[in-house]
Amino acid sequence: MNILSNLLSGVTNPSNPSRPKKKRRRIEIKSEREIEIMRQAATIVATVLKEISEMVEPGMSTA
């Protein structure tokens, strides 16, 4: 499954002039629970990247 393709499939043309301009984003204050969830997600991502880095070799196709 190509996750990046799935994420980008819903994206429209960003240069479309008919789209209204976005309002400025504000800084979002996270709760302690949200920060803990972000830490857990970061740990999962770090683990996956470490495992992948141990499996790949120079010249190996990632397709």
PDB file of N, CA and C in Angstrom:
ATOM      1  N   MET A   1       0.853  -1.170   0.000  1.00  0.00           N
ATOM      2  CA  MET A   1       0.000   0.000   0.000  1.00  0.00           C
ATOM      3  C   MET A   1       0.898   1.231   0.000  1.00  0.00           C
ATOM      4  N   ASN A   2       0.572   2.196  -0.821  1.00  0.00           N
ATOM      5  CA  ASN A   2       1.348   3.423  -0.882  1.00  0.00           C
ATOM      6  C   ASN A   2       0.643   4.491  -0.051  1.00  0.00           C
ATOM      7  N   ILE A   3       1.091   4.658   1.184  1.00  0.00           N
ATOM      8  CA  ILE A   3       0.444   5.580   2.115  1.00  0.00           C
ATOM      9  C   ILE A   3       0.501   7.009   1.613  1.00  0.00           C
ATOM     10  N   LEU A   4       1.658   7.406   1.066  1.00  0.00           N
ATOM     11  CA  LEU A   4       1.800   8.780   0.581  1.00  0.00           C
ATOM     12  C   LEU A   4       0.800   9.071  -0.531  1.00  0.00           C
ATOM     13  N   SER A   5       0.626   8.133  -1.459  1.00  0.00           N
ATOM     14  CA  SER A   5      -0.348   8.330  -2.538  1.00  0.00           C
ATOM     15  C   SER A   5      -1.756   8.474  -1.979  1.00  0.00           C
ATOM     16  N   ASN A   6      -2.080   7.660  -0.975  1.00  0.00           N
ATOM     17  CA  ASN A   6      -3.406   7.744  -0.372  1.00  0.00           C
ATOM     18  C   ASN A   6      -3.626   9.095   0.293  1.00  0.00           C
ATOM     19  N   LEU A   7      -2.597   9.613   0.953  1.00  0.00           N
ATOM     20  CA  LEU A   7      -2.729  10.911   1.611  1.00  0.00           C
ATOM     21  C   LEU A   7      -2.882  12.032   0.593  1.00  0.00           C
ATOM     22  N   LEU A   8      -2.127  11.943  -0.500  1.00  0.00           N
ATOM     23  CA  LEU A   8      -2.127  13.012  -1.486  1.00  0.00           C
ATOM     24  C   LEU A   8      -3.294  12.936  -2.458  1.00  0.00           C
ATOM     25  N   SER A   9      -3.990  11.807  -2.516  1.00  0.00           N
ATOM     26  CA  SER A   9      -5.069  11.653  -3.488  1.00  0.00           C
ATOM     27  C   SER A   9      -6.215  12.631  -3.234  1.00  0.00           C
ATOM     28  N   GLY A  10      -6.388  13.068  -1.999  1.00  0.00           N
ATOM     29  CA  GLY A  10      -7.458  14.001  -1.684  1.00  0.00           C
ATOM     30  C   GLY A  10      -7.052  15.451  -1.813  1.00  0.00           C
ATOM     31  N   VAL A  11      -5.800  15.711  -2.143  1.00  0.00           N
ATOM     32  CA  VAL A  11      -5.309  17.085  -2.235  1.00  0.00           C
ATOM     33  C   VAL A  11      -5.686  17.676  -3.584  1.00  0.00           C
ATOM     34  N   THR A  12      -6.232  18.881  -3.559  1.00  0.00           N
ATOM     35  CA  THR A  12      -6.570  19.564  -4.807  1.00  0.00           C
ATOM     36  C   THR A  12      -5.402  20.425  -5.236  1.00  0.00           C
ATOM     37  N   ASN A  13      -5.520  21.022  -6.387  1.00  0.00           N
ATOM     38  CA  ASN A  13      -4.461  21.868  -6.925  1.00  0.00           C
ATOM     39  C   ASN A  13      -4.276  23.089  -6.028  1.00  0.00           C
ATOM     40  N   PRO A  14      -3.091  23.225  -5.376  1.00  0.00           N
ATOM     41  CA  PRO A  14      -2.905  24.349  -4.456  1.00  0.00           C
ATOM     42  C   PRO A  14      -2.807  25.697  -5.146  1.00  0.00           C
ATOM     43  N   SER A  15      -2.585  25.716  -6.455  1.00  0.00           N
ATOM     44  CA  SER A  15      -2.469  26.988  -7.160  1.00  0.00           C
ATOM     45  C   SER A  15      -3.804  27.457  -7.734  1.00  0.00           C
ATOM     46  N   ASN A  16      -4.887  26.806  -7.365  1.00  0.00           N
ATOM     47  CA  ASN A  16      -6.215  27.156  -7.852  1.00  0.00           C
ATOM     48  C   ASN A  16      -6.603  28.537  -7.310  1.00  0.00           C
ATOM     49  N   PRO A  17      -6.723  29.549  -8.175  1.00  0.00           N
ATOM     50  CA  PRO A  17      -7.004  30.909  -7.701  1.00  0.00           C
ATOM     51  C   PRO A  17      -8.416  31.097  -7.164  1.00  0.00           C
ATOM     52  N   SER A  18      -9.341  30.161  -7.419  1.00  0.00           N
ATOM     53  CA  SER A  18     -10.712  30.338  -6.965  1.00  0.00           C
ATOM     54  C   SER A  18     -10.883  29.982  -5.489  1.00  0.00           C
ATOM     55  N   ARG A  19      -9.867  29.375  -4.900  1.00  0.00           N
ATOM     56  CA  ARG A  19      -9.959  29.019  -3.485  1.00  0.00           C
ATOM     57  C   ARG A  19      -9.782  30.257  -2.618  1.00  0.00           C
ATOM     58  N   PRO A  20     -10.607  30.382  -1.584  1.00  0.00           N
ATOM     59  CA  PRO A  20     -10.426  31.534  -0.688  1.00  0.00           C
ATOM     60  C   PRO A  20      -9.138  31.377   0.115  1.00  0.00           C
ATOM     61  N   LYS A  21      -8.555  32.505   0.502  1.00  0.00           N
ATOM     62  CA  LYS A  21      -7.331  32.459   1.293  1.00  0.00           C
ATOM     63  C   LYS A  21      -7.652  31.958   2.693  1.00  0.00           C
ATOM     64  N   LYS A  22      -6.707  31.206   3.236  1.00  0.00           N
ATOM     65  CA  LYS A  22      -6.887  30.677   4.577  1.00  0.00           C
ATOM     66  C   LYS A  22      -6.638  31.775   5.605  1.00  0.00           C
ATOM     67  N   LYS A  23      -7.338  31.657   6.714  1.00  0.00           N
ATOM     68  CA  LYS A  23      -7.083  32.565   7.825  1.00  0.00           C
ATOM     69  C   LYS A  23      -5.781  32.138   8.490  1.00  0.00           C
ATOM     70  N   ARG A  24      -5.151  33.054   9.160  1.00  0.00           N
ATOM     71  CA  ARG A  24      -3.920  32.730   9.874  1.00  0.00           C
ATOM     72  C   ARG A  24      -4.221  31.722  10.963  1.00  0.00           C
ATOM     73  N   ARG A  25      -3.329  30.766  11.081  1.00  0.00           N
ATOM     74  CA  ARG A  25      -3.483  29.779  12.143  1.00  0.00           C
ATOM     75  C   ARG A  25      -2.981  30.363  13.454  1.00  0.00           C
ATOM     76  N   ARG A  26      -3.566  29.912  14.515  1.00  0.00           N
ATOM     77  CA  ARG A  26      -3.134  30.338  15.835  1.00  0.00           C
ATOM     78  C   ARG A  26      -2.350  29.209  16.484  1.00  0.00           C
ATOM     79  N   ILE A  27      -1.552  29.554  17.454  1.00  0.00           N
ATOM     80  CA  ILE A  27      -0.814  28.549  18.210  1.00  0.00           C
ATOM     81  C   ILE A  27      -1.817  27.751  19.024  1.00  0.00           C
ATOM     82  N   GLU A  28      -1.710  26.434  18.926  1.00  0.00           N
ATOM     83  CA  GLU A  28      -2.635  25.569  19.633  1.00  0.00           C
ATOM     84  C   GLU A  28      -1.948  25.020  20.877  1.00  0.00           C
ATOM     85  N   ILE A  29      -2.518  25.264  22.029  1.00  0.00           N
ATOM     86  CA  ILE A  29      -1.973  24.778  23.293  1.00  0.00           C
ATOM     87  C   ILE A  29      -2.466  23.345  23.494  1.00  0.00           C
ATOM     88  N   LYS A  30      -1.517  22.440  23.712  1.00  0.00           N
ATOM     89  CA  LYS A  30      -1.858  21.027  23.895  1.00  0.00           C
ATOM     90  C   LYS A  30      -2.052  20.716  25.371  1.00  0.00           C
ATOM     91  N   SER A  31      -2.972  19.802  25.633  1.00  0.00           N
ATOM     92  CA  SER A  31      -3.174  19.337  27.007  1.00  0.00           C
ATOM     93  C   SER A  31      -2.099  18.303  27.335  1.00  0.00           C
ATOM     94  N   GLU A  32      -1.974  17.974  28.609  1.00  0.00           N
ATOM     95  CA  GLU A  32      -1.004  16.949  29.018  1.00  0.00           C
ATOM     96  C   GLU A  32      -1.311  15.620  28.330  1.00  0.00           C
ATOM     97  N   ARG A  33      -2.577  15.296  28.176  1.00  0.00           N
ATOM     98  CA  ARG A  33      -2.986  14.043  27.513  1.00  0.00           C
ATOM     99  C   ARG A  33      -2.556  14.057  26.050  1.00  0.00           C
ATOM    100  N   GLU A  34      -2.773  15.164  25.357  1.00  0.00           N
ATOM    101  CA  GLU A  34      -2.378  15.266  23.949  1.00  0.00           C
ATOM    102  C   GLU A  34      -0.864  15.152  23.789  1.00  0.00           C
ATOM    103  N   ILE A  35      -0.124  15.753  24.713  1.00  0.00           N
ATOM    104  CA  ILE A  35       1.336  15.668  24.659  1.00  0.00           C
ATOM    105  C   ILE A  35       1.784  14.228  24.867  1.00  0.00           C
ATOM    106  N   GLU A  36       1.144  13.519  25.784  1.00  0.00           N
ATOM    107  CA  GLU A  36       1.491  12.114  26.022  1.00  0.00           C
ATOM    108  C   GLU A  36       1.197  11.265  24.789  1.00  0.00           C
ATOM    109  N   ILE A  37       0.087  11.511  24.123  1.00  0.00           N
ATOM    110  CA  ILE A  37      -0.244  10.784  22.891  1.00  0.00           C
ATOM    111  C   ILE A  37       0.806  11.067  21.822  1.00  0.00           C
ATOM    112  N   MET A  38       1.241  12.318  21.719  1.00  0.00           N
ATOM    113  CA  MET A  38       2.276  12.672  20.741  1.00  0.00           C
ATOM    114  C   MET A  38       3.591  11.966  21.062  1.00  0.00           C
ATOM    115  N   ARG A  39       3.924  11.853  22.353  1.00  0.00           N
ATOM    116  CA  ARG A  39       5.142  11.135  22.747  1.00  0.00           C
ATOM    117  C   ARG A  39       5.052   9.661  22.357  1.00  0.00           C
ATOM    118  N   GLN A  40       3.900   9.053  22.597  1.00  0.00           N
ATOM    119  CA  GLN A  40       3.714   7.646  22.242  1.00  0.00           C
ATOM    120  C   GLN A  40       3.831   7.453  20.731  1.00  0.00           C
ATOM    121  N   ALA A  41       3.235   8.355  19.968  1.00  0.00           N
ATOM    122  CA  ALA A  41       3.314   8.271  18.507  1.00  0.00           C
ATOM    123  C   ALA A  41       4.756   8.416  18.040  1.00  0.00           C
ATOM    124  N   ALA A  42       5.495   9.335  18.640  1.00  0.00           N
ATOM    125  CA  ALA A  42       6.899   9.537  18.269  1.00  0.00           C
ATOM    126  C   ALA A  42       7.729   8.299  18.581  1.00  0.00           C
ATOM    127  N   THR A  43       7.436   7.633  19.691  1.00  0.00           N
ATOM    128  CA  THR A  43       8.148   6.405  20.048  1.00  0.00           C
ATOM    129  C   THR A  43       7.876   5.311  19.024  1.00  0.00           C
ATOM    130  N   ILE A  44       6.632   5.186  18.595  1.00  0.00           N
ATOM    131  CA  ILE A  44       6.278   4.185  17.581  1.00  0.00           C
ATOM    132  C   ILE A  44       7.008   4.478  16.279  1.00  0.00           C
ATOM    133  N   VAL A  45       6.992   5.732  15.846  1.00  0.00           N
ATOM    134  CA  VAL A  45       7.659   6.118  14.598  1.00  0.00           C
ATOM    135  C   VAL A  45       9.151   5.849  14.695  1.00  0.00           C
ATOM    136  N   ALA A  46       9.770   6.203  15.812  1.00  0.00           N
ATOM    137  CA  ALA A  46      11.209   5.977  15.988  1.00  0.00           C
ATOM    138  C   ALA A  46      11.537   4.492  15.930  1.00  0.00           C
ATOM    139  N   THR A  47      10.696   3.659  16.525  1.00  0.00           N
ATOM    140  CA  THR A  47      10.911   2.213  16.507  1.00  0.00           C
ATOM    141  C   THR A  47      10.818   1.670  15.090  1.00  0.00           C
ATOM    142  N   VAL A  48       9.807   2.090  14.357  1.00  0.00           N
ATOM    143  CA  VAL A  48       9.634   1.627  12.973  1.00  0.00           C
ATOM    144  C   VAL A  48      10.813   2.059  12.112  1.00  0.00           C
ATOM    145  N   LEU A  49      11.234   3.309  12.224  1.00  0.00           N
ATOM    146  CA  LEU A  49      12.365   3.794  11.428  1.00  0.00           C
ATOM    147  C   LEU A  49      13.650   3.049  11.775  1.00  0.00           C
ATOM    148  N   LYS A  50      13.849   2.734  13.043  1.00  0.00           N
ATOM    149  CA  LYS A  50      15.038   1.984  13.458  1.00  0.00           C
ATOM    150  C   LYS A  50      15.014   0.588  12.847  1.00  0.00           C
ATOM    151  N   GLU A  51      13.859  -0.079  12.909  1.00  0.00           N
ATOM    152  CA  GLU A  51      13.745  -1.427  12.349  1.00  0.00           C
ATOM    153  C   GLU A  51      13.947  -1.411  10.836  1.00  0.00           C
ATOM    154  N   ILE A  52      13.394  -0.421  10.163  1.00  0.00           N
ATOM    155  CA  ILE A  52      13.563  -0.323   8.713  1.00  0.00           C
ATOM    156  C   ILE A  52      15.024  -0.072   8.365  1.00  0.00           C
ATOM    157  N   SER A  53      15.683   0.802   9.126  1.00  0.00           N
ATOM    158  CA  SER A  53      17.086   1.113   8.825  1.00  0.00           C
ATOM    159  C   SER A  53      17.980  -0.109   8.980  1.00  0.00           C
ATOM    160  N   GLU A  54      17.594  -1.044   9.824  1.00  0.00           N
ATOM    161  CA  GLU A  54      18.363  -2.277   9.998  1.00  0.00           C
ATOM    162  C   GLU A  54      18.125  -3.263   8.855  1.00  0.00           C
ATOM    163  N   MET A  55      17.028  -3.107   8.119  1.00  0.00           N
ATOM    164  CA  MET A  55      16.696  -4.047   7.047  1.00  0.00           C
ATOM    165  C   MET A  55      17.188  -3.597   5.678  1.00  0.00           C
ATOM    166  N   VAL A  56      17.293  -2.304   5.440  1.00  0.00           N
ATOM    167  CA  VAL A  56      17.657  -1.822   4.108  1.00  0.00           C
ATOM    168  C   VAL A  56      19.167  -1.837   3.908  1.00  0.00           C
ATOM    169  N   GLU A  57      19.549  -1.962   2.646  1.00  0.00           N
ATOM    170  CA  GLU A  57      20.959  -1.949   2.266  1.00  0.00           C
ATOM    171  C   GLU A  57      21.129  -1.016   1.079  1.00  0.00           C
ATOM    172  N   PRO A  58      22.336  -0.474   0.881  1.00  0.00           N
ATOM    173  CA  PRO A  58      22.571   0.389  -0.278  1.00  0.00           C
ATOM    174  C   PRO A  58      22.227  -0.338  -1.579  1.00  0.00           C
ATOM    175  N   GLY A  59      21.517   0.348  -2.456  1.00  0.00           N
ATOM    176  CA  GLY A  59      21.132  -0.224  -3.741  1.00  0.00           C
ATOM    177  C   GLY A  59      19.832  -1.008  -3.706  1.00  0.00           C
ATOM    178  N   MET A  60      19.268  -1.220  -2.532  1.00  0.00           N
ATOM    179  CA  MET A  60      18.026  -1.987  -2.400  1.00  0.00           C
ATOM    180  C   MET A  60      16.848  -1.124  -2.848  1.00  0.00           C
ATOM    181  N   SER A  61      15.946  -1.706  -3.625  1.00  0.00           N
ATOM    182  CA  SER A  61      14.759  -0.987  -4.075  1.00  0.00           C
ATOM    183  C   SER A  61      13.769  -0.874  -2.926  1.00  0.00           C
ATOM    184  N   THR A  62      13.142   0.278  -2.803  1.00  0.00           N
ATOM    185  CA  THR A  62      12.130   0.467  -1.767  1.00  0.00           C
ATOM    186  C   THR A  62      10.723   0.455  -2.356  1.00  0.00           C
ATOM    187  N   ALA A  63      10.629   0.055  -3.609  1.00  0.00           N
ATOM    188  CA  ALA A  63       9.326   0.034  -4.277  1.00  0.00           C
ATOM    189  C   ALA A  63       8.483  -1.115  -3.793  1.00  0.00           C
TER     190      ALA A  63
END
